[in-house]
PDB file of all heavy atoms in Angstrom:
ATOM      1  N   VAL A   1      69.287  17.866 113.466  1.00  0.00           N
ATOM      2  CA  VAL A   1      70.718  18.144 113.529  1.00  0.00           C
ATOM      3  C   VAL A   1      70.931  19.666 113.556  1.00  0.00           C
ATOM      4  O   VAL A   1      70.437  20.237 112.575  1.00  0.00           O
ATOM      5  CB  VAL A   1      71.382  17.546 112.298  1.00  0.00           C
ATOM      6  CG1 VAL A   1      72.972  17.813 112.330  1.00  0.00           C
ATOM      7  CG2 VAL A   1      71.285  15.910 112.245  1.00  0.00           C
ATOM      8  N   SER A   2      71.531  20.151 114.493  1.00  0.00           N
ATOM      9  CA  SER A   2      71.661  21.673 114.734  1.00  0.00           C
ATOM     10  C   SER A   2      73.111  22.121 114.886  1.00  0.00           C
ATOM     11  O   SER A   2      73.285  23.190 115.151  1.00  0.00           O
ATOM     12  CB  SER A   2      70.825  22.118 115.957  1.00  0.00           C
ATOM     13  OG  SER A   2      71.298  21.470 117.129  1.00  0.00           O
ATOM     14  N   VAL A   3      74.018  21.151 114.754  1.00  0.00           N
ATOM     15  CA  VAL A   3      75.417  21.436 114.915  1.00  0.00           C
ATOM     16  C   VAL A   3      76.230  20.945 113.620  1.00  0.00           C
ATOM     17  O   VAL A   3      75.814  20.147 112.887  1.00  0.00           O
ATOM     18  CB  VAL A   3      76.107  20.717 116.098  1.00  0.00           C
ATOM     19  CG1 VAL A   3      75.406  21.265 117.494  1.00  0.00           C
ATOM     20  CG2 VAL A   3      75.918  19.218 116.087  1.00  0.00           C
ATOM     21  N   PRO A   4      77.392  21.552 113.380  1.00  0.00           N
ATOM     22  CA  PRO A   4      78.269  21.141 112.199  1.00  0.00           C
ATOM     23  C   PRO A   4      78.636  19.628 112.368  1.00  0.00           C
ATOM     24  O   PRO A   4      78.663  19.090 113.487  1.00  0.00           O
ATOM     25  CB  PRO A   4      79.457  22.020 112.316  1.00  0.00           C
ATOM     26  CG  PRO A   4      79.019  23.254 113.107  1.00  0.00           C
ATOM     27  CD  PRO A   4      78.071  22.636 114.145  1.00  0.00           C
ATOM     28  N   ALA A   5      78.867  19.031 111.202  1.00  0.00           N
ATOM     29  CA  ALA A   5      79.230  17.570 111.269  1.00  0.00           C
ATOM     30  C   ALA A   5      80.522  17.360 112.002  1.00  0.00           C
ATOM     31  O   ALA A   5      80.749  16.254 112.562  1.00  0.00           O
ATOM     32  CB  ALA A   5      79.594  17.189 109.767  1.00  0.00           C
ATOM     33  N   THR A   6      81.396  18.231 112.196  1.00  0.00           N
ATOM     34  CA  THR A   6      82.615  18.085 113.051  1.00  0.00           C
ATOM     35  C   THR A   6      82.380  18.210 114.540  1.00  0.00           C
ATOM     36  O   THR A   6      83.215  17.911 115.236  1.00  0.00           O
ATOM     37  CB  THR A   6      83.616  19.275 112.625  1.00  0.00           C
ATOM     38  OG1 THR A   6      83.099  20.528 112.778  1.00  0.00           O
ATOM     39  CG2 THR A   6      84.089  19.049 111.226  1.00  0.00           C
ATOM     40  N   ASP A   7      81.231  18.637 114.996  1.00  0.00           N
ATOM     41  CA  ASP A   7      80.747  18.685 116.449  1.00  0.00           C
ATOM     42  C   ASP A   7      80.652  17.354 116.917  1.00  0.00           C
ATOM     43  O   ASP A   7      80.002  16.497 116.315  1.00  0.00           O
ATOM     44  CB  ASP A   7      79.527  19.486 116.560  1.00  0.00           C
ATOM     45  CG  ASP A   7      79.358  19.960 117.914  1.00  0.00           C
ATOM     46  OD1 ASP A   7      79.100  19.079 118.807  1.00  0.00           O
ATOM     47  OD2 ASP A   7      79.289  21.091 118.292  1.00  0.00           O
ATOM     48  N   PRO A   8      81.171  17.063 118.176  1.00  0.00           N
ATOM     49  CA  PRO A   8      80.989  15.761 118.771  1.00  0.00           C
ATOM     50  C   PRO A   8      79.601  15.304 119.041  1.00  0.00           C
ATOM     51  O   PRO A   8      79.281  14.049 119.013  1.00  0.00           O
ATOM     52  CB  PRO A   8      81.769  15.795 120.142  1.00  0.00           C
ATOM     53  CG  PRO A   8      82.735  16.950 119.885  1.00  0.00           C
ATOM     54  CD  PRO A   8      82.073  17.983 118.931  1.00  0.00           C
ATOM     55  N   ARG A   9      78.701  16.224 119.108  1.00  0.00           N
ATOM     56  CA  ARG A   9      77.231  15.980 119.154  1.00  0.00           C
ATOM     57  C   ARG A   9      76.581  15.577 117.917  1.00  0.00           C
ATOM     58  O   ARG A   9      75.436  15.045 117.964  1.00  0.00           O
ATOM     59  CB  ARG A   9      76.512  17.252 119.865  1.00  0.00           C
ATOM     60  CG  ARG A   9      76.998  17.530 121.191  1.00  0.00           C
ATOM     61  CD  ARG A   9      76.462  18.953 121.594  1.00  0.00           C
ATOM     62  NE  ARG A   9      76.977  20.003 120.843  1.00  0.00           N
ATOM     63  CZ  ARG A   9      76.569  21.316 120.926  1.00  0.00           C
ATOM     64  NH1 ARG A   9      75.526  21.500 121.691  1.00  0.00           N
ATOM     65  NH2 ARG A   9      77.118  22.130 120.050  1.00  0.00           N
ATOM     66  N   ALA A  10      77.158  15.747 116.818  1.00  0.00           N
ATOM     67  CA  ALA A  10      76.534  15.533 115.493  1.00  0.00           C
ATOM     68  C   ALA A  10      76.149  14.106 115.248  1.00  0.00           C
ATOM     69  O   ALA A  10      75.035  13.839 114.884  1.00  0.00           O
ATOM     70  CB  ALA A  10      77.479  16.013 114.388  1.00  0.00           C
ATOM     71  N   PRO A  11      76.859  13.016 115.608  1.00  0.00           N
ATOM     72  CA  PRO A  11      76.501  11.768 115.447  1.00  0.00           C
ATOM     73  C   PRO A  11      75.210  11.317 116.207  1.00  0.00           C
ATOM     74  O   PRO A  11      74.304  10.696 115.767  1.00  0.00           O
ATOM     75  CB  PRO A  11      77.687  10.806 115.945  1.00  0.00           C
ATOM     76  CG  PRO A  11      78.857  11.829 115.728  1.00  0.00           C
ATOM     77  CD  PRO A  11      78.341  13.165 116.093  1.00  0.00           C
ATOM     78  N   ASP A  12      75.072  11.805 117.472  1.00  0.00           N
ATOM     79  CA  ASP A  12      73.989  11.512 118.342  1.00  0.00           C
ATOM     80  C   ASP A  12      72.682  12.205 117.757  1.00  0.00           C
ATOM     81  O   ASP A  12      71.623  11.570 117.690  1.00  0.00           O
ATOM     82  CB  ASP A  12      74.185  11.973 119.773  1.00  0.00           C
ATOM     83  CG  ASP A  12      75.152  11.105 120.570  1.00  0.00           C
ATOM     84  OD1 ASP A  12      75.093   9.901 120.244  1.00  0.00           O
ATOM     85  OD2 ASP A  12      75.986  11.680 121.327  1.00  0.00           O
ATOM     86  N   GLN A  13      72.986  13.417 117.212  1.00  0.00           N
ATOM     87  CA  GLN A  13      71.752  14.155 116.696  1.00  0.00           C
ATOM     88  C   GLN A  13      71.343  13.635 115.428  1.00  0.00           C
ATOM     89  O   GLN A  13      70.073  13.297 115.120  1.00  0.00           O
ATOM     90  CB  GLN A  13      72.066  15.673 116.444  1.00  0.00           C
ATOM     91  CG  GLN A  13      72.327  16.392 117.711  1.00  0.00           C
ATOM     92  CD  GLN A  13      72.475  17.849 117.470  1.00  0.00           C
ATOM     93  OE1 GLN A  13      72.519  18.419 116.342  1.00  0.00           O
ATOM     94  NE2 GLN A  13      72.657  18.591 118.552  1.00  0.00           N
ATOM     95  N   PHE A  14      72.246  12.979 114.603  1.00  0.00           N
ATOM     96  CA  PHE A  14      71.915  12.382 113.280  1.00  0.00           C
ATOM     97  C   PHE A  14      71.184  11.051 113.693  1.00  0.00           C
ATOM     98  O   PHE A  14      70.139  10.782 113.035  1.00  0.00           O
ATOM     99  CB  PHE A  14      73.213  12.003 112.510  1.00  0.00           C
ATOM    100  CG  PHE A  14      72.901  11.143 111.362  1.00  0.00           C
ATOM    101  CD1 PHE A  14      72.495  11.701 110.139  1.00  0.00           C
ATOM    102  CD2 PHE A  14      73.020   9.816 111.311  1.00  0.00           C
ATOM    103  CE1 PHE A  14      72.211  11.061 109.024  1.00  0.00           C
ATOM    104  CE2 PHE A  14      72.765   9.076 110.306  1.00  0.00           C
ATOM    105  CZ  PHE A  14      72.319   9.631 109.081  1.00  0.00           C
ATOM    106  N   VAL A  15      71.593  10.359 114.603  1.00  0.00           N
ATOM    107  CA  VAL A  15      70.915   8.977 114.914  1.00  0.00           C
ATOM    108  C   VAL A  15      69.573   9.294 115.501  1.00  0.00           C
ATOM    109  O   VAL A  15      68.511   8.633 115.041  1.00  0.00           O
ATOM    110  CB  VAL A  15      71.754   8.357 116.014  1.00  0.00           C
ATOM    111  CG1 VAL A  15      70.883   7.108 116.651  1.00  0.00           C
ATOM    112  CG2 VAL A  15      73.023   7.748 115.418  1.00  0.00           C
ATOM    113  N   ARG A  16      69.300  10.318 116.220  1.00  0.00           N
ATOM    114  CA  ARG A  16      67.949  10.720 116.738  1.00  0.00           C
ATOM    115  C   ARG A  16      67.088  11.184 115.422  1.00  0.00           C
ATOM    116  O   ARG A  16      65.913  10.662 115.398  1.00  0.00           O
ATOM    117  CB  ARG A  16      68.091  11.814 117.687  1.00  0.00           C
ATOM    118  CG  ARG A  16      66.724  12.214 118.291  1.00  0.00           C
ATOM    119  CD  ARG A  16      66.823  13.147 119.546  1.00  0.00           C
ATOM    120  NE  ARG A  16      67.461  14.373 119.207  1.00  0.00           N
ATOM    121  CZ  ARG A  16      68.672  14.718 119.616  1.00  0.00           C
ATOM    122  NH1 ARG A  16      69.409  13.894 120.207  1.00  0.00           N
ATOM    123  NH2 ARG A  16      69.148  16.014 119.258  1.00  0.00           N
ATOM    124  N   GLY A  17      67.587  11.927 114.670  1.00  0.00           N
ATOM    125  CA  GLY A  17      66.734  12.221 113.458  1.00  0.00           C
ATOM    126  C   GLY A  17      66.526  11.033 112.524  1.00  0.00           C
ATOM    127  O   GLY A  17      65.504  10.946 111.977  1.00  0.00           O
ATOM    128  N   PHE A  18      67.437  10.122 112.387  1.00  0.00           N
ATOM    129  CA  PHE A  18      67.397   8.973 111.686  1.00  0.00           C
ATOM    130  C   PHE A  18      66.265   8.064 112.142  1.00  0.00           C
ATOM    131  O   PHE A  18      65.490   7.469 111.468  1.00  0.00           O
ATOM    132  CB  PHE A  18      68.731   8.184 111.779  1.00  0.00           C
ATOM    133  CG  PHE A  18      68.842   6.884 111.202  1.00  0.00           C
ATOM    134  CD1 PHE A  18      68.820   6.534 109.826  1.00  0.00           C
ATOM    135  CD2 PHE A  18      68.771   5.737 112.141  1.00  0.00           C
ATOM    136  CE1 PHE A  18      68.894   5.200 109.404  1.00  0.00           C
ATOM    137  CE2 PHE A  18      68.795   4.544 111.729  1.00  0.00           C
ATOM    138  CZ  PHE A  18      68.903   4.145 110.312  1.00  0.00           C
ATOM    139  N   GLN A  19      66.271   7.926 113.534  1.00  0.00           N
ATOM    140  CA  GLN A  19      65.226   7.078 114.146  1.00  0.00           C
ATOM    141  C   GLN A  19      63.750   7.755 113.983  1.00  0.00           C
ATOM    142  O   GLN A  19      62.852   7.035 113.649  1.00  0.00           O
ATOM    143  CB  GLN A  19      65.422   7.047 115.657  1.00  0.00           C
ATOM    144  CG  GLN A  19      66.748   6.184 116.016  1.00  0.00           C
ATOM    145  CD  GLN A  19      67.161   6.221 117.424  1.00  0.00           C
ATOM    146  OE1 GLN A  19      66.767   7.213 118.120  1.00  0.00           O
ATOM    147  NE2 GLN A  19      67.920   5.289 117.773  1.00  0.00           N
ATOM    148  N   HIS A  20      63.647   9.037 114.065  1.00  0.00           N
ATOM    149  CA  HIS A  20      62.409   9.767 113.774  1.00  0.00           C
ATOM    150  C   HIS A  20      61.919   9.549 112.364  1.00  0.00           C
ATOM    151  O   HIS A  20      60.757   9.321 112.147  1.00  0.00           O
ATOM    152  CB  HIS A  20      62.486  11.223 114.162  1.00  0.00           C
ATOM    153  CG  HIS A  20      62.591  11.542 115.517  1.00  0.00           C
ATOM    154  ND1 HIS A  20      63.160  12.741 116.083  1.00  0.00           N
ATOM    155  CD2 HIS A  20      62.483  10.701 116.752  1.00  0.00           C
ATOM    156  CE1 HIS A  20      63.196  12.690 117.373  1.00  0.00           C
ATOM    157  NE2 HIS A  20      62.910  11.539 117.772  1.00  0.00           N
ATOM    158  N   ALA A  21      62.891   9.620 111.414  1.00  0.00           N
ATOM    159  CA  ALA A  21      62.581   9.523 109.972  1.00  0.00           C
ATOM    160  C   ALA A  21      62.007   8.123 109.733  1.00  0.00           C
ATOM    161  O   ALA A  21      61.087   7.946 108.935  1.00  0.00           O
ATOM    162  CB  ALA A  21      63.700   9.725 109.062  1.00  0.00           C
ATOM    163  N   LEU A  22      62.687   7.166 110.368  1.00  0.00           N
ATOM    164  CA  LEU A  22      62.209   5.709 110.100  1.00  0.00           C
ATOM    165  C   LEU A  22      60.844   5.442 110.737  1.00  0.00           C
ATOM    166  O   LEU A  22      59.998   4.611 110.128  1.00  0.00           O
ATOM    167  CB  LEU A  22      63.287   4.733 110.752  1.00  0.00           C
ATOM    168  CG  LEU A  22      64.562   4.721 109.879  1.00  0.00           C
ATOM    169  CD1 LEU A  22      65.639   4.041 110.630  1.00  0.00           C
ATOM    170  CD2 LEU A  22      64.432   4.096 108.537  1.00  0.00           C
ATOM    171  N   LEU A  23      60.569   6.094 111.866  1.00  0.00           N
ATOM    172  CA  LEU A  23      59.271   5.917 112.439  1.00  0.00           C
ATOM    173  C   LEU A  23      58.177   6.558 111.479  1.00  0.00           C
ATOM    174  O   LEU A  23      57.097   5.889 111.308  1.00  0.00           O
ATOM    175  CB  LEU A  23      59.154   6.605 113.838  1.00  0.00           C
ATOM    176  CG  LEU A  23      59.996   5.827 114.923  1.00  0.00           C
ATOM    177  CD1 LEU A  23      59.896   6.710 116.150  1.00  0.00           C
ATOM    178  CD2 LEU A  23      59.334   4.527 115.293  1.00  0.00           C
ATOM    179  N   ALA A  24      58.534   7.628 110.935  1.00  0.00           N
ATOM    180  CA  ALA A  24      57.595   8.284 109.938  1.00  0.00           C
ATOM    181  C   ALA A  24      57.456   7.446 108.713  1.00  0.00           C
ATOM    182  O   ALA A  24      56.457   7.181 108.219  1.00  0.00           O
ATOM    183  CB  ALA A  24      58.091   9.628 109.491  1.00  0.00           C
ATOM    184  N   ALA A  25      58.587   6.662 108.270  1.00  0.00           N
ATOM    185  CA  ALA A  25      58.537   5.798 107.082  1.00  0.00           C
ATOM    186  C   ALA A  25      57.593   4.664 107.365  1.00  0.00           C
ATOM    187  O   ALA A  25      56.922   4.151 106.540  1.00  0.00           O
ATOM    188  CB  ALA A  25      59.878   5.368 106.678  1.00  0.00           C
ATOM    189  N   ALA A  26      57.742   4.186 108.695  1.00  0.00           N
ATOM    190  CA  ALA A  26      56.902   2.986 109.092  1.00  0.00           C
ATOM    191  C   ALA A  26      55.419   3.352 109.010  1.00  0.00           C
ATOM    192  O   ALA A  26      54.594   2.611 108.486  1.00  0.00           O
ATOM    193  CB  ALA A  26      57.235   2.540 110.438  1.00  0.00           C
ATOM    194  N   GLY A  27      55.083   4.605 109.408  1.00  0.00           N
ATOM    195  CA  GLY A  27      53.748   5.028 109.341  1.00  0.00           C
ATOM    196  C   GLY A  27      53.280   5.121 107.941  1.00  0.00           C
ATOM    197  O   GLY A  27      52.135   4.746 107.629  1.00  0.00           O
ATOM    198  N   ILE A  28      54.064   5.614 107.052  1.00  0.00           N
ATOM    199  CA  ILE A  28      53.790   5.611 105.588  1.00  0.00           C
ATOM    200  C   ILE A  28      53.462   4.245 105.029  1.00  0.00           C
ATOM    201  O   ILE A  28      52.425   3.964 104.337  1.00  0.00           O
ATOM    202  CB  ILE A  28      54.789   6.251 104.828  1.00  0.00           C
ATOM    203  CG1 ILE A  28      54.931   7.750 105.216  1.00  0.00           C
ATOM    204  CG2 ILE A  28      54.644   6.184 103.334  1.00  0.00           C
ATOM    205  CD1 ILE A  28      56.145   8.403 104.707  1.00  0.00           C
ATOM    206  N   ALA A  29      54.326   3.287 105.488  1.00  0.00           N
ATOM    207  CA  ALA A  29      54.163   1.829 105.045  1.00  0.00           C
ATOM    208  C   ALA A  29      52.786   1.208 105.441  1.00  0.00           C
ATOM    209  O   ALA A  29      52.130   0.654 104.688  1.00  0.00           O
ATOM    210  CB  ALA A  29      55.284   0.989 105.463  1.00  0.00           C
ATOM    211  N   PHE A  30      52.440   1.497 106.705  1.00  0.00           N
ATOM    212  CA  PHE A  30      51.253   0.995 107.347  1.00  0.00           C
ATOM    213  C   PHE A  30      49.999   1.658 106.586  1.00  0.00           C
ATOM    214  O   PHE A  30      49.013   1.032 106.324  1.00  0.00           O
ATOM    215  CB  PHE A  30      51.195   1.245 108.759  1.00  0.00           C
ATOM    216  CG  PHE A  30      52.101   0.265 109.519  1.00  0.00           C
ATOM    217  CD1 PHE A  30      52.868   0.835 110.637  1.00  0.00           C
ATOM    218  CD2 PHE A  30      52.219  -0.954 109.301  1.00  0.00           C
ATOM    219  CE1 PHE A  30      53.736   0.149 111.274  1.00  0.00           C
ATOM    220  CE2 PHE A  30      53.166  -1.885 110.048  1.00  0.00           C
ATOM    221  CZ  PHE A  30      53.945  -1.277 110.933  1.00  0.00           C
ATOM    222  N   ALA A  31      50.109   2.926 106.243  1.00  0.00           N
ATOM    223  CA  ALA A  31      49.157   3.616 105.410  1.00  0.00           C
ATOM    224  C   ALA A  31      48.983   3.043 104.084  1.00  0.00           C
ATOM    225  O   ALA A  31      47.849   2.863 103.556  1.00  0.00           O
ATOM    226  CB  ALA A  31      49.416   5.112 105.333  1.00  0.00           C
ATOM    227  N   GLY A  32      50.095   2.577 103.450  1.00  0.00           N
ATOM    228  CA  GLY A  32      50.121   2.017 102.246  1.00  0.00           C
ATOM    229  C   GLY A  32      49.230   0.625 102.255  1.00  0.00           C
ATOM    230  O   GLY A  32      48.551   0.204 101.331  1.00  0.00           O
ATOM    231  N   ALA A  33      49.505  -0.045 103.438  1.00  0.00           N
ATOM    232  CA  ALA A  33      48.651  -1.349 103.598  1.00  0.00           C
ATOM    233  C   ALA A  33      47.290  -1.114 103.622  1.00  0.00           C
ATOM    234  O   ALA A  33      46.423  -1.918 102.988  1.00  0.00           O
ATOM    235  CB  ALA A  33      49.291  -1.982 104.936  1.00  0.00           C
ATOM    236  N   ILE A  34      46.816  -0.099 104.228  1.00  0.00           N
ATOM    237  CA  ILE A  34      45.367   0.240 104.268  1.00  0.00           C
ATOM    238  C   ILE A  34      44.899   0.524 102.846  1.00  0.00           C
ATOM    239  O   ILE A  34      43.793   0.136 102.484  1.00  0.00           O
ATOM    240  CB  ILE A  34      45.211   1.317 105.288  1.00  0.00           C
ATOM    241  CG1 ILE A  34      45.464   0.955 106.706  1.00  0.00           C
ATOM    242  CG2 ILE A  34      43.663   1.752 105.268  1.00  0.00           C
ATOM    243  CD1 ILE A  34      45.463   2.105 107.746  1.00  0.00           C
ATOM    244  N   VAL A  35      45.657   1.311 102.227  1.00  0.00           N
ATOM    245  CA  VAL A  35      45.182   1.726 100.843  1.00  0.00           C
ATOM    246  C   VAL A  35      45.052   0.503 100.008  1.00  0.00           C
ATOM    247  O   VAL A  35      44.104   0.331  99.323  1.00  0.00           O
ATOM    248  CB  VAL A  35      46.251   2.724 100.188  1.00  0.00           C
ATOM    249  CG1 VAL A  35      45.924   2.885  98.813  1.00  0.00           C
ATOM    250  CG2 VAL A  35      46.170   4.003 100.855  1.00  0.00           C
ATOM    251  N   ALA A  36      46.002  -0.448 100.035  1.00  0.00           N
ATOM    252  CA  ALA A  36      46.002  -1.629  99.242  1.00  0.00           C
ATOM    253  C   ALA A  36      44.754  -2.492  99.514  1.00  0.00           C
ATOM    254  O   ALA A  36      44.044  -2.960  98.624  1.00  0.00           O
ATOM    255  CB  ALA A  36      47.307  -2.394  99.372  1.00  0.00           C
ATOM    256  N   ILE A  37      44.531  -2.668 100.853  1.00  0.00           N
ATOM    257  CA  ILE A  37      43.390  -3.530 101.251  1.00  0.00           C
ATOM    258  C   ILE A  37      42.124  -2.964 100.866  1.00  0.00           C
ATOM    259  O   ILE A  37      41.172  -3.649 100.420  1.00  0.00           O
ATOM    260  CB  ILE A  37      43.525  -3.880 102.700  1.00  0.00           C
ATOM    261  CG1 ILE A  37      44.787  -4.680 103.020  1.00  0.00           C
ATOM    262  CG2 ILE A  37      42.306  -4.596 103.233  1.00  0.00           C
ATOM    263  CD1 ILE A  37      45.186  -4.919 104.447  1.00  0.00           C
ATOM    264  N   VAL A  38      41.906  -1.609 101.063  1.00  0.00           N
ATOM    265  CA  VAL A  38      40.659  -0.975 100.800  1.00  0.00           C
ATOM    266  C   VAL A  38      40.254  -0.810  99.348  1.00  0.00           C
ATOM    267  O   VAL A  38      39.119  -0.999  98.942  1.00  0.00           O
ATOM    268  CB  VAL A  38      40.586   0.483 101.563  1.00  0.00           C
ATOM    269  CG1 VAL A  38      39.417   1.244 101.136  1.00  0.00           C
ATOM    270  CG2 VAL A  38      40.606   0.250 103.068  1.00  0.00           C
TER     271      VAL A  38
END
């Protein structure tokens, strides 16, 4: 997110960052599965 919240582009940028964050969280969860099994 590189624009103020009032900028029309802000929602699209937030969604893009939100999607990237969730992909990172998914990677963390899969790493946790490996830790548990090992």
